[in-house]
């Protein structure tokens, strides 16, 4: 069994202390999102089947599988133990118990559970050796793990789990070619080897073949439609936000404690300007990653966009403390402070954002908007000059410049600015208003006296 997997590694249930993290995440998810039952129908069906047949070991084992996918490790362990009461020393259920310990990254408990598998299956049986190899991977002892997987292959050369385990060991050592070869052997032995296909996809991505990685993940999902890891990685690799959101919504519904998936889900919703929806997964991510400034920055921006300015300020100040050189956090905090009426403080943060991201013409333009609204025209034009040095065809900046000059009675200069606005990029301007103003100023220019402005 695999813990939460991502290209950069999981920060969720696959680390020590994951059970406590899942409790926090589940509580946050329950408060912010839909009921778990309707979100993971395969778990509902497995639970119903187990309740209907309390003596059916297979039904309890299936329930354990779905609970383990959700990373409800305590519930999964109880389900596997129920299967063992109905069918003592059943290797499948014993292996499930071991999987719950691996998901919690508890090496000694994993090793002890695998010893039970070896005792039940036989000293040389592949099931026990694969289990022990995976326990060694939890302990980060790749060489010992490979020895166990090879012992499994000596008994069963086509054992897909053993080949996949060898792939995992090589992947941990950054031996990409060796990992790819092992995962391909696993898939050749069992085309429905979900973990092998996910592992192969991650290695292919690291080698730069995102298209083939995506195909492998789609094949994994076809084999197991409720694989949270496959869904997460498909969402992460998707270029289209709508497709990414679809996959990530399903991954987080299946496994609410999947931190990387919650963070990516919130990020993709934010990128699609679905700010209100982004708040819930980002709250879960912040609860699980209290020291990660990126999560707080994303949540702070989503809260700002939904009008929750007080909480947004708290999150964004924490983000700025964590990453003092983040232009996005400074920009958002500046906007929040302006919205709260603390304009001078907000301008300070926005100016810092402009300095951190000198190539972004929009931030100095926004500063000019705020200063213009406050009647501080000299400072406003200074920021407009800065924006136009960065983006000479910035129609919005030329338009605002024209308005300020017009208000100051500097009509000839205003006319030039309005004409530049019309010939610029043309984005987000009231072209009809500007054309009317140009016509008025052209008439003025024709009739002004020699000393007129």
Protein backbone atom coordinates (compact mmCIF):
# COMPACT_ATOMS: atom_id res chain seq x y z
CA UNK A 1 0.00 0.00 0.00
CA UNK A 2 1.15 3.55 -0.73
CA UNK A 3 0.97 6.63 1.41
CA UNK A 4 -0.03 9.99 -0.11
CA UNK A 5 2.19 10.37 -3.17
CA UNK A 6 3.15 13.42 -5.20
CA UNK A 7 6.17 14.43 -7.24
CA UNK A 8 7.46 16.49 -4.33
CA UNK A 9 6.36 13.95 -1.74
CA UNK A 10 3.33 14.03 0.53
CA UNK A 11 2.96 16.20 3.56
CA UNK A 12 -0.28 14.48 4.57
CA UNK A 13 -1.01 11.08 6.05
CA UNK A 14 2.28 9.55 4.96
CA UNK A 15 4.33 11.20 7.70
CA UNK A 16 4.59 10.53 11.41
CA UNK A 17 1.70 12.14 13.24
CA UNK A 18 -0.60 11.67 10.26
CA UNK A 19 -3.49 10.37 12.30
CA UNK A 20 -3.70 13.60 14.28
CA UNK A 21 -3.46 15.62 11.08
CA UNK A 22 -6.30 13.64 9.54
CA UNK A 23 -8.50 14.32 12.57
CA UNK A 24 -7.95 18.06 12.11
CA UNK A 25 -8.55 17.82 8.37
CA UNK A 26 -11.69 15.75 8.69
CA UNK A 27 -13.15 18.19 11.21
CA UNK A 28 -12.40 21.14 8.95
CA UNK A 29 -13.77 19.34 5.90
CA UNK A 30 -16.97 18.41 7.70
CA UNK A 31 -17.47 22.03 8.72
CA UNK A 32 -16.74 23.46 5.29
CA UNK A 33 -17.78 20.90 2.70
CA UNK A 34 -20.30 18.23 1.80
CA UNK A 35 -20.85 15.06 3.81
CA UNK A 36 -18.16 12.46 3.34
CA UNK A 37 -20.66 9.72 2.59
CA UNK A 38 -22.01 11.22 -0.61
CA UNK A 39 -18.50 12.21 -1.70
CA UNK A 40 -17.02 8.68 -1.60
CA UNK A 41 -19.76 6.27 -2.76
CA UNK A 42 -17.38 3.29 -2.91
CA UNK A 43 -16.84 3.68 0.84
CA UNK A 44 -20.58 3.93 1.42
CA UNK A 45 -21.18 0.73 -0.54
CA UNK A 46 -18.42 -1.13 1.28
CA UNK A 47 -19.72 -0.03 4.68
CA UNK A 48 -23.27 -1.05 3.80
CA UNK A 49 -22.09 -4.47 2.61
CA UNK A 50 -20.05 -5.08 5.77
CA UNK A 51 -22.95 -4.06 8.01
CA UNK A 52 -25.30 -6.34 6.11
CA UNK A 53 -22.95 -9.35 6.44
CA UNK A 54 -21.03 -9.13 9.74
CA UNK A 55 -19.51 -12.59 9.20
CA UNK A 56 -18.32 -11.93 5.63
CA UNK A 57 -14.54 -11.56 5.74
CA UNK A 58 -14.34 -10.36 2.14
CA UNK A 59 -16.85 -7.58 2.81
CA UNK A 60 -14.88 -6.35 5.81
CA UNK A 61 -11.63 -6.47 3.84
CA UNK A 62 -13.18 -4.36 1.06
CA UNK A 63 -14.32 -1.90 3.70
CA UNK A 64 -10.78 -1.82 5.06
CA UNK A 65 -9.43 -1.08 1.57
CA UNK A 66 -11.72 1.91 1.08
CA UNK A 67 -11.10 3.25 4.58
CA UNK A 68 -7.36 2.93 4.01
CA UNK A 69 -7.71 4.87 0.75
CA UNK A 70 -9.44 7.59 2.78
CA UNK A 71 -6.57 7.34 5.29
CA UNK A 72 -8.94 6.50 8.10
CA UNK A 73 -6.29 4.13 9.38
CA UNK A 74 -8.00 3.33 12.67
CA UNK A 75 -11.25 2.48 10.90
CA UNK A 76 -9.44 0.43 8.28
CA UNK A 77 -7.56 -1.52 10.94
CA UNK A 78 -10.84 -2.29 12.72
CA UNK A 79 -12.34 -3.53 9.45
CA UNK A 80 -9.39 -5.82 8.72
CA UNK A 81 -9.46 -7.16 12.28
CA UNK A 82 -13.18 -7.90 11.79
CA UNK A 83 -12.25 -9.84 8.66
CA UNK A 84 -9.66 -11.78 10.68
CA UNK A 85 -12.22 -12.68 13.31
CA UNK A 86 -14.33 -14.20 10.55
CA UNK A 87 -11.32 -15.76 8.84
CA UNK A 88 -8.30 -16.16 11.15
CA UNK A 89 -4.80 -15.80 9.67
CA UNK A 90 -6.17 -14.62 6.33
CA UNK A 91 -3.14 -13.19 4.54
CA UNK A 92 -5.12 -10.51 2.68
CA UNK A 93 -6.51 -9.06 5.91
CA UNK A 94 -3.17 -9.34 7.72
CA UNK A 95 -1.57 -7.47 4.84
CA UNK A 96 -4.27 -4.82 5.21
CA UNK A 97 -3.41 -4.34 8.88
CA UNK A 98 0.22 -3.89 7.91
CA UNK A 99 -0.84 -1.34 5.29
CA UNK A 100 -2.53 0.81 7.93
CA UNK A 101 0.73 0.95 9.89
CA UNK A 102 2.67 1.85 6.76
CA UNK A 103 0.22 4.65 6.02
CA UNK A 104 1.01 6.01 9.48
CA UNK A 105 4.76 5.71 8.77
CA UNK A 106 5.19 3.49 11.84
CA UNK A 107 8.11 1.27 10.91
CA UNK A 108 8.25 -1.03 13.93
CA UNK A 109 4.50 -1.63 13.87
CA UNK A 110 4.70 -2.23 10.12
CA UNK A 111 7.50 -4.74 10.55
CA UNK A 112 5.64 -6.57 13.32
CA UNK A 113 2.47 -6.70 11.24
CA UNK A 114 4.45 -8.09 8.29
CA UNK A 115 5.88 -10.80 10.54
CA UNK A 116 2.30 -11.93 11.12
CA UNK A 117 1.87 -12.05 7.33
CA UNK A 118 5.04 -14.16 6.97
CA UNK A 119 3.91 -16.48 9.73
CA UNK A 120 0.52 -17.02 8.10
CA UNK A 121 1.71 -17.21 4.48
CA UNK A 122 4.93 -19.15 5.00
CA UNK A 123 8.55 -18.10 5.32
CA UNK A 124 9.24 -17.97 1.58
CA UNK A 125 5.79 -16.90 0.35
CA UNK A 126 5.91 -13.71 -1.76
CA UNK A 127 3.13 -11.96 0.17
CA UNK A 128 5.14 -11.77 3.36
CA UNK A 129 8.38 -10.78 1.62
CA UNK A 130 6.65 -7.98 -0.31
CA UNK A 131 5.11 -6.78 2.94
CA UNK A 132 8.48 -6.73 4.70
CA UNK A 133 10.09 -4.96 1.75
CA UNK A 134 7.48 -2.23 1.96
CA UNK A 135 8.05 -1.98 5.71
CA UNK A 136 11.74 -1.39 5.01
CA UNK A 137 10.74 1.40 2.61
CA UNK A 138 8.86 3.04 5.48
CA UNK A 139 12.17 2.85 7.40
CA UNK A 140 13.96 4.26 4.31
CA UNK A 141 16.18 1.22 3.97
CA UNK A 142 16.02 0.72 0.21
CA UNK A 143 18.75 -1.91 -0.04
CA UNK A 144 17.07 -4.11 2.57
CA UNK A 145 13.73 -3.55 0.83
CA UNK A 146 15.14 -4.70 -2.52
CA UNK A 147 16.51 -7.85 -0.88
CA UNK A 148 13.01 -8.70 0.36
CA UNK A 149 11.40 -7.94 -2.99
CA UNK A 150 13.95 -10.16 -4.74
CA UNK A 151 13.13 -12.96 -2.30
CA UNK A 152 9.49 -12.56 -3.32
CA UNK A 153 10.47 -12.70 -7.00
CA UNK A 154 12.48 -15.87 -6.40
CA UNK A 155 9.22 -17.50 -5.37
CA UNK A 156 7.07 -15.73 -7.97
CA UNK A 157 8.94 -14.05 -10.83
CA UNK A 158 5.77 -12.35 -12.09
CA UNK A 159 4.81 -10.80 -8.75
CA UNK A 160 3.72 -7.28 -9.73
CA UNK A 161 3.85 -5.92 -6.17
CA UNK A 162 7.50 -7.00 -5.80
CA UNK A 163 8.50 -5.36 -9.09
CA UNK A 164 6.61 -2.23 -8.09
CA UNK A 165 8.33 -2.21 -4.70
CA UNK A 166 11.73 -2.36 -6.41
CA UNK A 167 10.60 0.59 -8.50
CA UNK A 168 9.74 2.48 -5.31
CA UNK A 169 13.15 1.73 -3.84
CA UNK A 170 14.94 3.01 -6.94
CA UNK A 171 12.68 6.07 -7.05
CA UNK A 172 13.67 6.94 -3.48
CA UNK A 173 17.32 6.79 -4.56
CA UNK A 174 16.57 9.01 -7.58
CA UNK A 175 17.53 6.15 -9.89
CA UNK A 176 14.94 7.06 -12.49
CA UNK A 177 15.82 4.65 -15.29
CA UNK A 178 15.97 1.67 -12.91
CA UNK A 179 12.67 2.70 -11.31
CA UNK A 180 10.98 3.03 -14.71
CA UNK A 181 12.20 -0.42 -15.74
CA UNK A 182 10.91 -2.01 -12.54
CA UNK A 183 7.52 -0.32 -12.79
CA UNK A 184 7.20 -1.46 -16.40
CA UNK A 185 7.93 -5.05 -15.32
CA UNK A 186 5.18 -4.73 -12.71
CA UNK A 187 2.69 -3.48 -15.30
CA UNK A 188 3.67 -6.26 -17.70
CA UNK A 189 2.90 -8.75 -14.94
CA UNK A 190 -0.37 -7.01 -14.01
CA UNK A 191 -1.78 -4.25 -16.23
CA UNK A 192 -4.04 -3.23 -13.33
CA UNK A 193 -1.13 -2.58 -10.96
CA UNK A 194 -2.30 0.85 -9.83
CA UNK A 195 0.66 1.69 -7.60
CA UNK A 196 3.12 0.75 -10.34
CA UNK A 197 1.36 2.95 -12.88
CA UNK A 198 1.38 5.90 -10.47
CA UNK A 199 5.03 5.34 -9.68
CA UNK A 200 5.86 5.09 -13.38
CA UNK A 201 3.93 8.31 -14.07
CA UNK A 202 5.92 10.20 -11.45
CA UNK A 203 9.21 8.98 -12.88
CA UNK A 204 8.17 9.82 -16.42
CA UNK A 205 7.23 13.31 -15.29
CA UNK A 206 10.62 13.74 -13.68
CA UNK A 207 12.15 12.75 -17.00
CA UNK A 208 10.05 15.42 -18.73
CA UNK A 209 7.39 13.23 -20.38
CA UNK A 210 4.23 14.72 -18.87
CA UNK A 211 2.01 13.40 -21.68
CA UNK A 212 2.96 9.76 -21.09
CA UNK A 213 2.77 10.33 -17.33
CA UNK A 214 -0.81 11.49 -17.79
CA UNK A 215 -1.64 8.39 -19.84
CA UNK A 216 -0.27 6.14 -17.09
CA UNK A 217 -2.33 7.95 -14.47
CA UNK A 218 -5.45 7.61 -16.59
CA UNK A 219 -4.77 3.88 -16.84
CA UNK A 220 -4.36 3.71 -13.05
CA UNK A 221 -7.68 5.48 -12.62
CA UNK A 222 -9.34 3.12 -15.07
CA UNK A 223 -8.14 0.22 -12.91
CA UNK A 224 -9.25 1.85 -9.65
CA UNK A 225 -11.62 4.78 -10.06
CA UNK A 226 -11.26 5.75 -6.39
CA UNK A 227 -7.47 6.12 -6.31
CA UNK A 228 -6.90 9.46 -4.59
CA UNK A 229 -3.23 9.44 -5.64
CA UNK A 230 -4.06 8.99 -9.33
CA UNK A 231 -6.72 11.69 -9.16
CA UNK A 232 -4.40 14.12 -7.38
CA UNK A 233 -1.57 13.68 -9.83
CA UNK A 234 -3.92 13.94 -12.81
CA UNK A 235 -5.27 17.16 -11.36
CA UNK A 236 -1.79 18.46 -10.71
CA UNK A 237 -0.65 17.75 -14.29
CA UNK A 238 -3.81 18.99 -16.02
CA UNK A 239 -3.29 22.15 -18.03
CA UNK A 240 -6.98 22.98 -18.02
CA UNK A 241 -8.27 24.37 -14.71
CA UNK A 242 -11.74 22.84 -15.12
CA UNK A 243 -10.31 19.34 -15.62
CA UNK A 244 -7.85 19.81 -12.76
CA UNK A 245 -10.61 20.97 -10.42
CA UNK A 246 -12.74 17.95 -11.32
CA UNK A 247 -9.97 15.50 -10.44
CA UNK A 248 -8.87 17.35 -7.30
CA UNK A 249 -12.43 17.65 -6.00
CA UNK A 250 -12.74 13.87 -6.22
CA UNK A 251 -9.31 13.25 -4.65
CA UNK A 252 -10.09 15.45 -1.65
CA UNK A 253 -13.55 13.97 -1.26
CA UNK A 254 -12.04 10.48 -1.09
CA UNK A 255 -9.18 11.53 1.19
CA UNK A 256 -9.96 14.77 3.06
CA UNK A 257 -6.61 14.60 4.86
CA UNK A 258 -4.63 14.68 1.59
CA UNK A 259 -2.79 17.92 2.21
CA UNK A 260 -1.10 18.32 -1.17
CA UNK A 261 -4.40 17.70 -2.95
CA UNK A 262 -6.27 20.19 -0.77
CA UNK A 263 -3.62 22.85 -1.41
CA UNK A 264 -3.59 22.23 -5.16
CA UNK A 265 -7.40 22.16 -5.23
CA UNK A 266 -7.54 25.54 -3.53
CA UNK A 267 -4.84 26.91 -5.83
CA UNK A 268 -6.67 25.76 -8.97
CA UNK A 269 -10.00 27.16 -7.75
CA UNK A 270 -8.25 30.46 -7.06
CA UNK A 271 -6.68 30.46 -10.51
CA UNK A 272 -10.20 30.04 -11.93
CA UNK A 273 -11.39 32.98 -9.75
CA UNK A 274 -13.70 30.62 -7.84
CA UNK A 275 -12.68 32.31 -4.62
CA UNK A 276 -15.57 31.26 -2.37
CA UNK A 277 -15.05 27.59 -3.27
CA UNK A 278 -11.30 27.89 -2.73
CA UNK A 279 -11.66 28.88 0.92
CA UNK A 280 -12.67 25.44 2.26
CA UNK A 281 -9.78 23.36 0.84
CA UNK A 282 -7.31 26.10 1.69
CA UNK A 283 -8.53 26.12 5.30
CA UNK A 284 -7.82 22.39 5.45
CA UNK A 285 -4.36 22.93 3.97
CA UNK A 286 -3.55 25.68 6.49
CA UNK A 287 -4.77 23.50 9.37
CA UNK A 288 -2.37 20.75 8.27
CA UNK A 289 0.48 23.09 7.25
CA UNK A 290 0.48 25.77 9.93
CA UNK A 291 4.06 26.77 9.14
CA UNK A 292 3.74 26.93 5.35
CA UNK A 293 3.43 30.53 4.19
CA UNK A 294 2.21 29.59 0.70
CA UNK A 295 -0.94 28.00 2.13
CA UNK A 296 -1.65 31.08 4.25
CA UNK A 297 -1.01 33.37 1.29
CA UNK A 298 -3.49 31.50 -0.91
CA UNK A 299 -6.11 31.41 1.85
CA UNK A 300 -5.55 35.09 2.62
CA UNK A 301 -6.05 36.03 -1.03
CA UNK A 302 -9.23 33.93 -1.26
CA UNK A 303 -10.57 35.54 1.92
CA UNK A 304 -9.76 39.02 0.57
CA UNK A 305 -11.57 38.22 -2.68
CA UNK A 306 -14.64 37.07 -0.76
CA UNK A 307 -14.69 40.17 1.45
CA UNK A 308 -13.51 38.54 4.70
CA UNK A 309 -10.97 41.30 5.24
CA UNK A 310 -10.28 40.81 8.93
CA UNK A 311 -9.31 37.17 8.63
CA UNK A 312 -7.56 37.88 5.33
CA UNK A 313 -5.30 40.42 7.04
CA UNK A 314 -4.35 37.89 9.71
CA UNK A 315 -3.48 35.22 7.15
CA UNK A 316 -1.58 37.57 4.86
CA UNK A 317 0.48 39.08 7.67
CA UNK A 318 1.48 35.54 8.65
CA UNK A 319 2.35 34.82 5.01
CA UNK A 320 4.51 37.95 4.78
CA UNK A 321 6.33 36.96 7.95
CA UNK A 322 6.96 33.50 6.50
CA UNK A 323 8.05 34.68 3.04
CA UNK A 324 9.06 38.36 3.22
CA UNK A 325 9.83 38.50 -0.52
CA UNK A 326 6.44 37.34 -1.80
CA UNK A 327 4.95 40.05 -4.05
CA UNK A 328 1.53 38.37 -4.07
CA UNK A 329 1.23 38.38 -0.27
CA UNK A 330 2.31 42.03 -0.05
CA UNK A 331 -0.04 43.02 -2.86
CA UNK A 332 -3.04 41.25 -1.33
CA UNK A 333 -2.30 42.59 2.15
CA UNK A 334 -2.06 46.09 0.72
CA UNK A 335 -5.45 45.70 -0.96
CA UNK A 336 -6.99 44.40 2.25
CA UNK A 337 -5.69 47.35 4.26
CA UNK A 338 -6.98 49.80 1.66
CA UNK A 339 -10.39 48.10 1.81
CA UNK A 340 -10.30 48.43 5.61
CA UNK A 341 -9.68 52.18 5.27
CA UNK A 342 -6.01 52.04 6.31
CA UNK A 343 -4.87 53.51 3.02
CA UNK A 344 -1.36 54.64 3.90
CA UNK A 345 -0.48 51.24 5.38
CA UNK A 346 -1.95 49.56 2.30
CA UNK A 347 0.05 51.77 -0.05
CA UNK A 348 3.21 50.76 1.79
CA UNK A 349 2.60 47.06 1.20
CA UNK A 350 1.58 47.63 -2.42
CA UNK A 351 4.74 49.64 -3.04
CA UNK A 352 6.79 46.80 -1.58
CA UNK A 353 5.00 44.40 -3.94
CA UNK A 354 5.81 46.70 -6.87
CA UNK A 355 9.48 46.74 -5.87
CA UNK A 356 9.56 42.95 -5.51
CA UNK A 357 8.02 42.45 -8.94
CA UNK A 358 9.35 45.30 -11.02
CA UNK A 359 8.15 43.73 -14.29
CA UNK A 360 4.47 43.90 -13.22
CA UNK A 361 2.94 47.15 -14.48
CA UNK A 362 -0.38 46.44 -12.82
CA UNK A 363 0.78 47.08 -9.25
CA UNK A 364 2.04 50.65 -9.83
CA UNK A 365 -1.11 51.28 -11.86
CA UNK A 366 -3.21 50.11 -8.92
CA UNK A 367 -1.24 52.40 -6.61
CA UNK A 368 -2.00 55.28 -8.99
CA UNK A 369 -5.72 54.41 -8.86
CA UNK A 370 -5.73 54.50 -5.06
CA UNK A 371 -3.77 57.76 -4.88
CA UNK A 372 -5.97 59.37 -7.54
CA UNK A 373 -9.08 58.44 -5.56
CA UNK A 374 -7.47 60.10 -2.53
CA UNK A 375 -6.74 63.27 -4.52
CA UNK A 376 -2.96 62.74 -4.39
CA UNK A 377 -2.36 63.35 -8.07
CA UNK A 378 1.36 64.06 -8.05
CA UNK A 379 2.15 60.71 -6.44
CA UNK A 380 -0.38 59.02 -8.70
CA UNK A 381 1.31 60.29 -11.88
CA UNK A 382 4.66 59.13 -10.55
CA UNK A 383 3.35 55.58 -10.33
CA UNK A 384 1.72 55.88 -13.76
CA UNK A 385 5.09 56.90 -15.20
CA UNK A 386 6.53 53.78 -13.61
CA UNK A 387 3.79 51.56 -15.02
CA UNK A 388 4.26 52.99 -18.51
CA UNK A 389 8.02 52.50 -18.39
CA UNK A 390 7.26 48.81 -17.86
CA UNK A 391 4.41 48.58 -20.39
CA UNK A 392 4.33 51.43 -22.88
CA UNK A 393 1.02 50.41 -24.51
CA UNK A 394 -0.86 50.09 -21.17
CA UNK A 395 -4.19 51.67 -22.18
CA UNK A 396 -5.60 51.80 -18.65
CA UNK A 397 -2.57 53.74 -17.41
CA UNK A 398 -2.77 56.20 -20.31
CA UNK A 399 -6.50 56.65 -19.68
CA UNK A 400 -6.03 57.38 -15.98
CA UNK A 401 -3.16 59.70 -16.80
CA UNK A 402 -5.46 61.55 -19.18
CA UNK A 403 -8.13 61.90 -16.48
CA UNK A 404 -5.65 63.35 -13.98
CA UNK A 405 -4.23 65.81 -16.52
CA UNK A 406 -7.73 66.78 -17.59
CA UNK A 407 -8.70 67.49 -13.98
CA UNK A 408 -5.59 69.66 -13.67
CA UNK A 409 -6.53 71.61 -16.78
CA UNK A 410 -3.54 70.35 -18.74
CA UNK A 411 -5.66 69.64 -21.79
CA UNK A 412 -3.01 69.25 -24.48
CA UNK A 413 -1.18 66.65 -22.39
CA UNK A 414 -4.48 64.99 -21.54
CA UNK A 415 -5.35 64.73 -25.24
CA UNK A 416 -2.04 62.96 -25.94
CA UNK A 417 -2.66 60.52 -23.09
CA UNK A 418 -6.19 59.72 -24.26
CA UNK A 419 -4.96 59.16 -27.82
CA UNK A 420 -2.28 56.81 -26.46
CA UNK A 421 -4.98 54.93 -24.53
CA UNK A 422 -6.95 54.36 -27.73
CA UNK A 423 -3.88 53.16 -29.64
CA UNK A 424 -2.60 50.94 -26.79
CA UNK A 425 -3.54 47.41 -25.79
CA UNK A 426 -7.19 48.47 -25.42
CA UNK A 427 -7.77 46.29 -22.35
CA UNK A 428 -10.45 47.20 -19.78
CA UNK A 429 -11.08 50.78 -20.85
CA UNK A 430 -14.24 52.71 -21.68
CA UNK A 431 -13.26 53.39 -25.26
CA UNK A 432 -16.49 55.28 -26.04
CA UNK A 433 -15.91 57.70 -23.16
CA UNK A 434 -12.29 58.25 -24.18
CA UNK A 435 -13.23 58.87 -27.83
CA UNK A 436 -15.78 61.43 -26.70
CA UNK A 437 -13.15 63.13 -24.53
CA UNK A 438 -10.67 63.10 -27.45
CA UNK A 439 -13.24 64.74 -29.73
CA UNK A 440 -13.94 67.43 -27.13
CA UNK A 441 -10.24 68.13 -26.66
CA UNK A 442 -9.58 68.20 -30.40
CA UNK A 443 -12.30 70.86 -30.74
CA UNK A 444 -10.71 72.73 -27.86
CA UNK A 445 -7.28 72.51 -29.52
CA UNK A 446 -8.66 73.95 -32.76
CA UNK A 447 -10.17 76.95 -30.97
CA UNK A 448 -7.65 77.69 -28.25
CA UNK A 449 -5.73 80.91 -28.39
CA UNK A 450 -1.94 81.16 -28.90
CA UNK A 451 -1.36 81.28 -25.18
CA UNK A 452 -3.95 78.64 -24.29
CA UNK A 453 -3.14 75.42 -22.49
